Amino acid sequence: MGQLVGVDIGGTFTDFVLIDADRSEIRVHKVSSTPADPTRGLVDGLLEMEPAAIDAVIHGTTVATNAILERKGARCGLIATRGFRDILELRRRDRPHAYGLTGSFEPLVPRDRRLEVDERIAADGQVLRPLSVEGLLAAGAALVADDVEGIVIAFMNSYANPTHELEARALLNKRWPDLFVTCSTEVLPVYREFERTSTAAVNTYVQPRVSHYLRQVRDELGKTCGYDNNLLVMQSNGGMLDSVAVAKMPVQTVLSGPAAGVMGAARLAGEYGMDRLITYDLGGTSLDVALVVDGRPQTANVTEIEFGIPIGAAMIDIRTIGAGGGSIAHLDAGGILQIGPHSAGADPGPVCYGRGGGQPTLTDALVVLGRINPQRSITGRDLDAESALNVIQRQIGEPLGLAPEAAADAIVAVATNTISGSLRRISIDRGHDPRDFTLFPFGGGGPLFASQLLCELSVSQVLVPTYPGIASAWGCAVADVRRDFVRMFNRRLSDLDMEQVAGAIREHAEAGEQFIRSSGVPVDRVEIIVEADAGFEGQTHVIRTPISVDRLDEAAIHADFRQAYDRHYGVEAIDFEGLAELLDELHVLILNLRTSVIGRRSTFSLRDNLAPPATTIDEAGGGERAVYFDDGFRPCPTYDRTRLPWGTTIAGPAVIEQTDTTVWIEPGVETEVLEGGALLLRRTAP
């Protein structure tokens, strides 16, 4: 494949990476996002890069995510088995806040558009009551009269026998061909009625908006750039799908952009032999954190995109909070300084952007402290440091009795504490010691906090990639083609028919390989990963257990499960005599079989395709700038990162600048410029 472009649209910036494998050429670009019409920013930025003939465009998008969070999805209806229309609202009897009865929940499909029909499938797949065709068409007519764009079909126990759901969809499509109709077993053919129904509801809710958006992008790329190949889209599992498949199953892209960032981080760190990472992406709007173990991002079977809206699709396990560069600093009702979750976004943006913003943000604080150079920002234009200082003084400093610089420092301190808390939850709370990991910051704001977090978390080191601001776009550009499958068994391991298991794996593998061929993306090889959702009988939670297709027998799978279980719960560290023997006596339940079919593409190394700068450390120096730390402004050397010689070591305090981010080096921290331009930060003092 010749020229390809990875594009990631964030809430504040749209990032581009162009890779020309034939010429070993890499180009990066960044433009402001256009939230009112994301297509405009994408196409304008691509035209500014003046690419030649493009072979592939791979896109990370937040269209599906925003549709849910902003409640701007389609007007949907739901048809359920009689007596079960309220599953979406009953949920799991949880509540938005663990303590107190505060907060509320609004389902994606309101009760007046959730209808019922006569039909019933037993848990073993037997038809107890046939589908009422007359009742179904009457429900469909009522919903169409209510101006719905899509209908969710979610029948009880349909995972065991999808006949009624498929029949219902065929009838609705025949009568109303323009309707978007989703069967729950089509998106998640497993038990747990709430999660299955919720996943189907999300798919239908975002489908019209995502389909329209992708069609608009394809049309614009064709008209303006002459691009007529498949538009490829990042999935939440870290692989890519063509836009036609995404239009049918958009629920797979809810974490598209963040997943691209984690995949990009894993690839970039892997070039330096680092395969255990705590990643965080600090963009303009949000903070996304994730964990990479042994080179593989950790995954989750169910992700709750918002309270009460779980999605049961395979996704990279990413935790997101509203703490980005554009997050607004404010005092809560108790007078306590808070950051986010509301953001100034791309329009109007932080006060220092000069676009009419009137509330102080984290970016404004960093400008006031001198950590961001107002004359060299990622926006490509000068920033208004004076306006930022004034708004921080007026809205934060005066109420707290602080000088404006001290108020800005407090904003950064609160943000740092928020970020470190999220990183602890993704690592320590899950039994991982941060000292065994490398911290990997990216996004436009990530490297500004790297030094402080190195000390806060006691991680061994920090790796700042060469282009931190476009790591998500890089993840899009180097992504593999991937398709995930799931088959429910819900049987004891001792009762499992291994021939049936092998048959399911073969069926998944054949379907996945066919999908990869149809994508039109050249791949070097196809890799098949098989895992089982397994647990001890009677336990609610299951462990995703890797199994070998070469050893499909009870003893081997039991050993694989015990290894995964002991590692997950730290059984070996528990001083309890007889625990291992007790666990060996329990029955193991195999709930689901999961097969990932991955088309591995040629690896394009950023490190190996960059030439070292022909400059000295003195030539890379940009003089000194006053930076606020330790309760006062102090002169700090600044450097142009693109001119730093490889092998150079720089001791903090120092500021390293580049077009897509700024790296702040605290006192007591030093950084080494590695081959390829990545920065390795380590502590030199306690």
Foldseek 3Di string as FASTA:
>chain_A
DAWEKFWEDDLFKIKIWIAGPVVLDIDIDIATADVVARLVRVLVRVVVVVDDAHPAYEYADQLLLCCVVVVVFFQEAEEEAPPPQCLLVPFVVDAPDNDDRDDDDDGNHDPVRRYYWHWAADLQGHTPTHTDPVRLVVSLVVNVVVVTQEYEYQYPNCLNPVVRVVVSVVSSCVVPVRHQYFYLCVQPSADDRSQSRLQSSSQRRHLVVLLVSVVVNQVSCCVRVVDDAFHWYAFQALFIATSVVCSNGVSRNNVGLVSLLVLLLLQQVVVVVAFWEWEWEAAQWKIKTWTGHRSRTAWDQWDASDPSRIHRHIGRDIDMAGAHQQWFWAQDPVRDIDTDNDGCGNVVGAVQVVSPDQTAGLNLLCVLQVQDQQCFALNNHGTRNPRSLVSQCVGFCVVVVHRSNVSSVVNVVNSLVVVLVVSCCNAVVQPHQQQVHEYEYAAAEGQACQQVSCVVRVHFWYKYAQHRNCSSSSSSVQHWHKDKDKRWDFAWLVPDDLVVVLVVQVVVQVVTVVSNVVSVDDFDDKDKWKWWFKDFPPDPHTFTFTADSVDSHSVRSVVRRVVRVCVRVVVVPDPDPCPVVVVVPTIMTTTMMMMMIIRHHDDSHLLVSDDFAPAEQVVQWDAWDFGDDPHGTDTAIEGALNRYGAQDKDADQYWYDDNRYIHGHHHQKMWGQHRSRMIMIGGNHD
